[in-house]
Protein backbone atom coordinates (compact mmCIF):
# COMPACT_ATOMS: atom_id res chain seq x y z
CA MET A 1 196.64 221.71 106.46
CA ASN A 2 195.86 218.02 106.69
CA ASP A 3 192.48 218.65 105.10
CA TYR A 4 194.16 220.33 102.14
CA PHE A 5 196.42 217.33 101.48
CA LEU A 6 193.53 214.95 102.11
CA LYS A 7 191.06 216.64 99.77
CA SER A 8 193.55 217.50 97.04
CA LYS A 9 192.79 215.20 94.12
CA ASN A 10 195.57 216.07 91.72
CA LEU A 11 198.46 217.07 94.01
CA PRO A 12 199.85 213.52 94.47
CA TYR A 13 199.83 213.07 90.70
CA TYR A 14 201.71 216.35 90.24
CA ILE A 15 204.27 215.26 92.85
CA LEU A 16 204.64 211.88 91.16
CA PHE A 17 205.16 213.37 87.70
CA LEU A 18 207.57 215.98 89.06
CA LEU A 19 209.66 213.37 90.87
CA THR A 20 209.55 211.03 87.86
CA SER A 21 210.78 213.83 85.59
CA LEU A 22 213.56 214.56 88.06
CA LEU A 23 214.40 210.87 88.18
CA ILE A 24 214.69 210.65 84.39
CA TYR A 25 216.85 213.80 84.34
CA MET A 26 219.17 212.36 87.00
CA LYS A 27 219.41 208.76 85.81
CA PHE A 28 218.86 208.64 82.02
CA PRO A 29 219.92 206.56 80.08
CA GLY A 30 220.37 204.13 82.97
CA HIS A 31 223.33 202.11 84.19
CA MET A 32 224.49 198.80 82.73
CA PRO A 33 226.29 196.56 85.27
CA PHE A 34 228.69 193.86 84.11
CA ASP A 35 225.98 191.27 83.27
CA SER A 36 224.00 193.76 81.23
CA GLN A 37 227.09 194.84 79.35
CA GLY A 38 227.58 191.21 78.36
CA LEU A 39 223.97 190.94 77.22
CA TYR A 40 224.30 194.16 75.23
CA ARG A 41 227.41 192.79 73.50
CA GLN A 42 225.38 189.74 72.53
CA ILE A 43 222.67 192.01 71.14
CA SER A 44 225.25 193.87 69.07
CA LYS A 45 226.56 190.58 67.63
CA GLY A 46 223.12 189.01 67.22
CA VAL A 47 224.13 186.07 69.45
CA PHE A 48 222.21 184.99 72.56
CA LEU A 49 223.62 182.43 75.02
CA GLU A 50 221.74 180.47 77.66
CA GLY A 51 222.25 181.96 81.12
CA HIS A 52 221.23 185.46 80.13
CA SER A 53 217.68 186.72 79.87
CA LEU A 54 217.00 185.72 76.30
CA THR A 55 213.62 187.41 75.93
CA LEU A 56 214.95 190.60 77.53
CA GLY A 57 217.82 190.52 75.07
CA LEU A 58 215.48 189.96 72.13
CA PHE A 59 213.17 192.80 73.22
CA TRP A 60 216.18 195.05 73.83
CA SER A 61 217.58 194.26 70.39
CA TYR A 62 214.39 195.61 68.78
CA LEU A 63 214.55 198.77 70.92
CA THR A 64 218.13 199.41 69.82
CA LEU A 65 216.82 199.77 66.26
CA ILE A 66 215.14 202.95 67.53
CA TYR A 67 217.73 204.14 70.07
CA LYS A 68 221.12 202.63 70.83
CA GLY A 69 222.07 201.79 74.41
CA PRO A 70 219.96 201.17 77.52
CA GLY A 71 217.84 204.33 77.34
CA LEU A 72 214.56 202.82 76.10
CA ILE A 73 214.73 199.89 78.55
CA PHE A 74 215.24 202.45 81.34
CA LEU A 75 212.24 204.51 80.18
CA THR A 76 210.12 201.33 79.91
CA ASN A 77 210.97 200.51 83.54
CA ILE A 78 210.08 204.06 84.64
CA LEU A 79 206.78 203.84 82.75
CA MET A 80 205.86 200.65 84.64
CA ILE A 81 206.67 202.31 87.97
CA LEU A 82 204.56 205.30 86.94
CA ILE A 83 201.56 203.12 86.05
CA SER A 84 201.82 201.24 89.37
CA SER A 85 201.99 204.47 91.37
CA ILE A 86 199.09 206.08 89.48
CA ILE A 87 196.91 203.06 90.28
CA GLY A 88 198.03 203.15 93.92
CA ILE A 89 197.16 206.84 94.25
CA GLY A 90 193.76 206.19 92.70
CA LEU A 91 193.03 203.43 95.21
CA HIS A 92 193.75 205.78 98.16
CA LYS A 93 191.94 208.93 97.01
CA LYS A 94 190.46 209.61 100.45
CA SER A 95 193.60 208.94 102.44
CA LEU A 96 196.95 210.64 102.98
CA LEU A 97 198.47 207.24 102.14
CA LYS A 98 198.11 208.17 98.46
CA TYR A 99 201.26 210.31 98.83
CA TRP A 100 203.27 207.18 99.60
CA PHE A 101 202.84 206.05 96.00
CA ALA A 102 203.95 209.48 94.77
CA ILE A 103 207.32 209.14 96.51
CA ILE A 104 207.99 205.40 96.00
CA PRO A 105 210.61 206.01 93.28
CA PHE A 106 212.62 208.07 95.77
CA ILE A 107 212.45 205.69 98.74
CA PRO A 108 216.18 204.92 99.27
CA GLN A 109 215.99 201.12 98.83
CA VAL A 110 214.05 201.60 95.56
CA PHE A 111 215.89 204.66 94.26
CA VAL A 112 219.41 203.28 94.69
CA SER A 113 219.04 200.63 91.96
CA ILE A 114 216.17 202.07 89.95
CA ASP A 115 218.41 202.95 86.99
CA GLU A 116 220.10 199.56 86.67
CA ILE A 117 219.31 197.78 83.42
CA MET A 118 219.06 194.29 84.85
CA LYS A 119 216.65 191.40 84.67
CA ASP A 120 215.89 191.95 88.37
CA GLN A 121 214.51 195.42 87.69
CA VAL A 122 212.52 194.38 84.61
CA PHE A 123 210.99 191.48 86.54
CA THR A 124 210.31 193.69 89.57
CA PHE A 125 208.65 196.61 87.82
CA GLY A 126 206.77 194.36 85.41
CA TYR A 127 205.28 192.21 88.15
CA GLY A 128 204.63 195.35 90.19
CA MET A 129 202.59 196.88 87.37
CA LEU A 130 200.60 193.69 86.68
CA SER A 131 199.98 193.24 90.41
CA MET A 132 198.63 196.77 90.80
CA ILE A 133 196.32 196.23 87.82
CA LEU A 134 194.92 193.19 89.62
CA CYS A 135 194.66 195.20 92.86
CA LYS A 136 192.46 197.74 91.10
CA LYS A 137 190.25 194.95 89.77
CA ILE A 138 189.93 193.57 93.31
CA TYR A 139 188.78 196.99 94.51
CA ASP A 140 186.35 197.46 91.63
CA ARG A 141 185.14 193.83 91.59
CA LYS A 142 185.56 193.88 87.82
CA LYS A 143 187.09 191.38 85.43
CA LEU A 144 189.69 191.97 82.79
CA LYS A 145 188.14 191.99 79.33
CA THR A 146 189.30 189.55 76.64
CA VAL A 147 191.83 191.95 75.11
CA GLY A 148 193.05 192.81 78.61
CA CYS A 149 193.50 189.11 79.47
CA VAL A 150 195.56 188.49 76.33
CA ALA A 151 197.76 191.55 76.99
CA PHE A 152 198.08 190.56 80.65
CA PHE A 153 199.33 187.05 79.88
CA ILE A 154 201.70 188.10 77.10
CA SER A 155 203.20 190.60 79.55
CA LEU A 156 203.26 188.01 82.34
CA LEU A 157 205.05 185.51 80.10
CA TYR A 158 207.70 188.11 79.23
CA PHE A 159 208.29 189.33 82.78
CA THR A 160 208.45 185.76 84.07
CA SER A 161 210.90 184.70 81.37
CA VAL A 162 213.52 187.35 82.19
CA LYS A 163 214.39 185.86 85.61
CA TYR A 164 214.47 182.17 86.51
CA GLN A 165 213.14 182.60 90.06
CA ALA A 166 210.05 184.39 88.71
CA ARG A 167 208.43 181.06 87.85
CA PHE A 168 208.10 180.34 91.57
CA ILE A 169 206.23 183.63 92.07
CA LEU A 170 204.10 183.04 88.98
CA PRO A 171 201.41 180.82 90.62
CA ILE A 172 200.62 183.55 93.17
CA ILE A 173 199.85 186.22 90.59
CA VAL A 174 198.00 183.69 88.40
CA TYR A 175 195.84 182.64 91.36
CA VAL A 176 194.90 186.26 92.04
CA PHE A 177 194.07 186.63 88.35
CA MET A 178 191.81 183.58 88.59
CA THR A 179 190.16 185.07 91.68
CA VAL A 180 189.49 188.33 89.84
CA GLN A 181 188.12 186.61 86.73
CA PHE A 182 186.12 183.90 88.52
CA TYR A 183 185.20 185.54 91.81
CA ASN A 184 182.10 183.43 92.41
CA LYS A 185 183.74 180.12 91.54
CA GLY A 186 185.00 177.74 94.22
CA ASN A 187 188.63 177.54 95.27
CA ILE A 188 189.11 174.17 93.56
CA HIS A 189 188.36 175.76 90.17
CA LYS A 190 190.82 178.56 90.87
CA PHE A 191 193.56 176.16 91.97
CA ILE A 192 193.12 173.96 88.89
CA GLY A 193 193.13 177.04 86.65
CA THR A 194 196.24 178.34 88.41
CA ILE A 195 198.12 175.07 87.88
CA LEU A 196 197.15 174.81 84.22
CA LEU A 197 197.91 178.43 83.35
CA SER A 198 201.18 178.46 85.28
CA PHE A 199 202.44 175.31 83.55
CA THR A 200 201.33 176.72 80.19
CA ILE A 201 203.36 179.89 80.73
CA ILE A 202 206.44 178.02 81.97
CA PHE A 203 206.20 175.56 79.05
CA SER A 204 205.86 178.48 76.62
CA ILE A 205 208.92 180.18 78.11
CA GLY A 206 210.93 177.00 77.54
CA ILE A 207 209.86 176.87 73.89
CA VAL A 208 210.67 180.54 73.27
CA ASN A 209 214.07 180.31 74.99
CA ASN A 210 215.00 177.12 73.12
CA CYS A 211 214.13 178.74 69.81
CA ILE A 212 216.33 181.76 70.56
CA VAL A 213 219.28 179.66 71.79
CA ASN A 214 219.08 177.09 69.02
CA LYS A 215 219.09 179.76 66.37
CA LYS A 216 221.73 182.11 67.71
CA GLY A 217 223.89 180.36 70.25
CA LYS A 218 224.51 177.24 72.27
CA PRO A 219 223.38 176.23 75.78
CA THR A 220 225.71 176.81 78.74
CA TYR A 221 223.74 174.78 81.33
CA PHE A 222 223.82 177.62 83.81
CA TRP A 223 222.24 175.48 86.56
CA GLN A 224 225.54 173.61 86.98
CA TYR A 225 227.14 176.61 88.71
CA VAL A 226 224.59 176.45 91.53
CA LYS A 227 225.43 172.79 92.13
CA ILE A 228 229.21 173.30 92.07
CA TYR A 229 228.86 176.34 94.34
CA ASP A 230 226.74 174.33 96.79
CA LEU A 231 229.18 171.43 96.84
CA ALA A 232 232.09 173.78 97.44
CA GLY A 233 230.28 175.53 100.29
CA MET A 234 229.24 172.22 101.82
CA SER A 235 232.86 171.05 101.59
CA LEU A 236 233.97 173.85 103.92
CA HIS A 237 231.32 172.97 106.49
CA SER A 238 231.97 169.21 106.37
CA ASP A 239 235.78 169.51 106.15
CA LYS A 240 235.82 167.22 103.13
CA VAL A 241 236.01 168.06 99.42
CA LEU A 242 232.65 166.99 97.99
CA VAL A 243 233.03 168.29 94.44
CA PRO A 244 233.59 165.40 91.93
CA LYS A 245 237.25 164.97 91.01
CA PHE A 246 236.59 165.27 87.28
CA LEU A 247 235.75 168.97 87.92
CA TYR A 248 239.10 169.72 89.57
CA ALA A 249 241.02 172.43 87.72
CA LYS A 250 244.29 170.87 88.91
CA GLU A 251 245.31 167.45 90.11
CA ASN A 252 244.65 167.87 93.84
CA ILE A 253 242.25 170.25 95.53
CA SER A 254 242.23 170.84 99.28
CA ILE A 255 239.85 172.56 101.67
CA LYS A 256 242.31 175.47 101.80
CA ASP A 257 242.05 175.88 98.01
CA ILE A 258 238.27 176.16 98.32
CA GLN A 259 238.47 178.49 101.31
CA ARG A 260 240.78 180.81 99.40
CA LYS A 261 238.17 181.28 96.66
CA TYR A 262 234.90 180.93 98.59
CA ARG A 263 232.97 184.20 98.37
CA LEU A 264 229.39 185.42 98.39
CA ASN A 265 229.34 184.72 94.64
CA TRP A 266 230.23 181.65 92.58
CA GLU A 267 232.60 183.06 89.93
CA PRO A 268 235.88 182.89 91.94
CA LEU A 269 235.38 179.15 92.40
CA ILE A 270 234.96 178.39 88.69
CA LYS A 271 235.63 181.29 86.30
CA GLU A 272 238.99 182.74 87.33
CA GLU A 273 242.40 181.57 86.08
CA ASP A 274 243.37 180.12 89.46
CA SER A 275 239.90 178.77 90.33
CA PRO A 276 239.93 175.32 91.94
CA PHE A 277 237.11 173.97 89.74
CA ARG A 278 235.92 174.05 86.14
CA GLN A 279 232.51 173.77 84.51
CA THR A 280 231.20 170.51 83.02
CA GLN A 281 232.12 169.66 79.43
CA ASN A 282 229.61 167.01 78.39
CA ASP A 283 226.29 165.37 79.28
CA THR A 284 227.96 162.55 81.22
CA GLU A 285 229.67 165.02 83.54
CA ARG A 286 226.47 167.00 84.00
CA LYS A 287 224.53 163.88 84.96
CA GLU A 288 227.25 162.85 87.41
CA LEU A 289 227.36 166.36 88.92
CA LEU A 290 223.60 166.36 89.53
CA LYS A 291 223.77 162.85 91.00
CA THR A 292 226.62 163.88 93.31
CA TRP A 293 224.81 167.04 94.42
CA LYS A 294 221.67 165.11 95.38
CA LYS A 295 223.70 162.49 97.21
CA GLU A 296 225.79 164.99 99.20
CA VAL A 297 222.82 167.20 100.16
CA LEU A 298 221.12 164.15 101.64
CA SER A 299 224.34 163.00 103.31
CA HIS A 300 225.32 166.43 104.67
CA PRO A 301 222.06 168.35 105.26
CA LEU A 302 223.54 170.55 108.01
CA ALA A 303 226.49 171.53 105.82
CA TYR A 304 224.06 172.43 103.05
CA LEU A 305 221.91 174.54 105.39
CA LYS A 306 224.97 176.31 106.82
CA HIS A 307 226.24 177.15 103.33
CA ARG A 308 222.86 178.36 102.14
CA GLY A 309 222.16 180.16 105.41
CA TYR A 310 225.45 182.05 105.15
CA ILE A 311 224.57 183.31 101.66
CA TRP A 312 220.98 184.16 102.62
CA VAL A 313 221.71 185.96 105.88
CA ARG A 314 225.06 187.58 105.14
CA GLY A 315 224.37 188.68 101.59
CA LEU A 316 220.61 188.98 101.18
CA MET A 317 219.23 189.91 104.58
CA LEU A 318 222.22 191.94 105.80
CA GLY A 319 223.38 193.18 102.41
CA SER A 320 222.49 196.80 101.76
CA PRO A 321 222.15 198.18 98.22
CA ILE A 322 222.54 201.67 99.69
CA LYS A 323 225.84 200.75 101.33
CA GLY A 324 227.02 199.16 98.11
CA TYR A 325 226.11 202.27 96.12
CA ILE A 326 227.98 204.55 98.55
CA GLY A 327 230.97 202.23 98.49
CA GLU A 328 231.05 202.03 94.71
CA ASN A 329 230.67 205.74 94.00
CA TYR A 330 231.80 207.83 96.97
CA ASN A 331 233.85 205.64 99.27
CA HIS A 332 237.07 207.35 98.11
CA ILE A 333 235.96 210.49 99.98
CA SER A 334 237.26 210.18 103.54
CA TRP A 335 234.36 211.80 105.41
CA VAL A 336 231.82 209.78 103.41
CA LYS A 337 233.69 206.57 104.23
CA LYS A 338 233.90 207.49 107.91
CA TYR A 339 230.45 208.94 108.64
CA ILE A 340 228.02 208.19 105.79
CA PHE A 341 229.06 204.68 104.72
CA PRO A 342 228.11 203.03 108.05
CA LEU A 343 224.61 204.55 107.80
CA GLY A 344 224.05 202.59 104.59
CA SER A 345 223.57 199.46 106.68
CA VAL A 346 220.15 200.79 107.71
CA GLY A 347 219.01 200.01 104.16
CA ALA A 348 219.47 196.27 104.67
CA PHE A 349 216.36 194.13 104.23
CA VAL A 350 216.66 192.76 107.76
CA PHE A 351 215.25 196.05 109.06
CA LEU A 352 212.17 195.69 106.84
CA MET A 353 211.59 192.06 107.80
CA PRO A 354 209.76 192.67 111.14
CA PHE A 355 207.29 195.02 109.42
CA LEU A 356 206.82 192.60 106.53
CA LEU A 357 206.04 189.69 108.87
CA PHE A 358 203.78 191.79 111.10
CA PHE A 359 201.80 193.21 108.18
CA PHE A 360 201.52 189.81 106.49
CA CYS A 361 200.09 188.18 109.64
CA GLN A 362 197.73 191.11 110.18
CA ASN A 363 196.53 191.03 106.57
CA PHE A 364 196.13 187.27 106.51
CA ILE A 365 193.93 187.36 109.63
CA ASN A 366 191.79 190.15 108.14
CA ARG A 367 191.72 188.93 104.52
CA HIS A 368 187.99 188.15 104.62
CA ARG A 369 187.12 191.49 106.19
CA TYR A 370 188.97 194.06 104.05
CA LYS A 371 189.96 194.25 100.40
CA GLN A 372 193.12 196.05 101.48
CA ALA A 373 194.10 193.00 103.54
CA GLN A 374 193.63 190.72 100.51
CA ILE A 375 195.91 192.98 98.49
CA GLY A 376 198.46 193.07 101.31
CA VAL A 377 198.57 189.28 101.50
CA PHE A 378 198.96 189.09 97.73
CA LEU A 379 201.89 191.53 97.49
CA GLN A 380 203.64 190.34 100.64
CA ALA A 381 203.25 186.66 99.76
CA MET A 382 205.23 187.33 96.58
CA SER A 383 207.87 189.20 98.56
CA LEU A 384 208.26 186.39 101.09
CA THR A 385 208.17 183.65 98.46
CA LEU A 386 211.14 185.08 96.60
CA LEU A 387 213.09 185.29 99.86
CA GLY A 388 212.40 181.58 100.43
CA VAL A 389 213.23 180.60 96.85
CA LEU A 390 216.56 182.42 96.94
CA PHE A 391 217.60 180.40 99.98
CA VAL A 392 217.81 177.40 97.64
CA PHE A 393 218.56 178.86 94.21
CA SER A 394 220.68 181.96 94.78
CA LEU A 395 224.03 181.86 92.95
CA ALA A 396 225.37 184.79 94.93
CA ALA A 397 224.58 187.01 97.89
CA VAL A 398 223.77 190.23 96.06
CA ALA A 399 221.30 192.78 97.42
CA ARG A 400 219.74 193.30 93.97
CA TYR A 401 218.45 189.72 94.05
CA ILE A 402 215.82 190.80 96.59
CA TYR A 403 215.03 194.12 94.93
CA PHE A 404 211.70 192.53 93.97
CA SER A 405 210.91 191.67 97.60
CA THR A 406 211.75 195.23 98.67
CA TYR A 407 209.62 196.86 95.97
CA MET A 408 206.62 194.59 96.56
CA PHE A 409 206.80 195.35 100.27
CA MET A 410 206.86 199.09 99.52
CA LEU A 411 203.78 198.74 97.30
CA SER A 412 201.99 196.88 100.09
CA VAL A 413 202.69 199.38 102.89
CA PRO A 414 199.71 201.76 102.33
CA PHE A 415 197.25 198.85 102.12
CA SER A 416 198.66 197.35 105.33
CA ILE A 417 198.56 200.64 107.22
CA ASP A 418 194.97 201.11 106.03
CA VAL A 419 194.03 197.73 107.53
CA PHE A 420 195.83 198.61 110.76
CA LEU A 421 193.95 201.92 111.06
CA GLN A 422 190.59 200.32 110.28
CA ASN A 423 191.17 197.67 112.94
CA ARG A 424 192.11 200.31 115.50
CA LYS A 425 189.01 202.32 114.63
CA LEU A 426 186.87 199.19 115.02
CA ARG A 427 188.37 198.40 118.42
CA LYS A 428 187.68 201.92 119.66
CA LYS A 429 184.11 201.69 118.45
CA ASN A 430 183.57 198.36 120.20
CA ASN A 431 185.04 199.68 123.45
């Protein structure tokens, strides 16, 4: 039986297409959470505000000329997953591991949010597709042709622009691109090329975003919410209100006022009617806020780490998208709430973390021996980097923020297992 599954060339593709068809049937036209509903309203009015994914909104606005609603964005995401899985199957033709790529869309942590029309999913599936294209080039020892390079970087610019944190992952994928294109060149050439290309893409994103905002809206300085949120969290851990007084929503603000509104997201502190703080109103206030944030982080480093650690551990590492999905959709059913809901905790990223760290160390040690190990390091480095970046920049503790890290880990699993099996085979041979 194993031989049949091993030798079957087309069966994993059939399974993949069958499951993808089922997925489209179940999930089309996709689900728009609150943020996406706001972006879609902007699209309808032709107005784009800073703080949303401007390029995603612009691309979506063109798609709505063909089909209203989120349907075409959803199908675009599914297409990118399909391309990634097809490449993965092709790279494991002689191994049962090829079936892993056939079922990736239905792995619980991937499936639960696969239909959400959010910048997190667009960024995740876009980077996943581009990464798998590079993985195939690593296997084949072939370069991208000129047309392929242009298409690759236009796509990379778009997928990077939809989510702010993507720019911190960008140098990793650019470095792998440089390695593929200039395999025989020294590392110094690749590093210089990586720096130049990464800055070019980030600079280009700034120009594109400014053009969209300046034409159709006004800036909201979204970064300010991170700073106010940090200062509020640090206030609780230092027992002293550290937010500048000019941002008070009423005359006097106490620690109890902050504690009453402190959540795993920033909105209750600033956006609600009874929030203790308000957003900045002019450049002077924004400069003073940034100055205060820098000063207080240096003065209260432990308070800052406790605040950030709480968000990172409680919301990102222990947060489960599966549990959230059950709670949102079926928690009104008593037996689901009692017996099924607690099982959702198993989907938390903390349970994947030991495997991610083990595989990354294994792949890093073997990166010069196996191509699979190089690919594993590449995919897992992106996963780990986002986790580190979110410790500093996360505005909320939402499981979807690390959807990218989850998906990249899932893509890396077959390559990592392949390295593990090859090492075990080598040890047996040597003994």
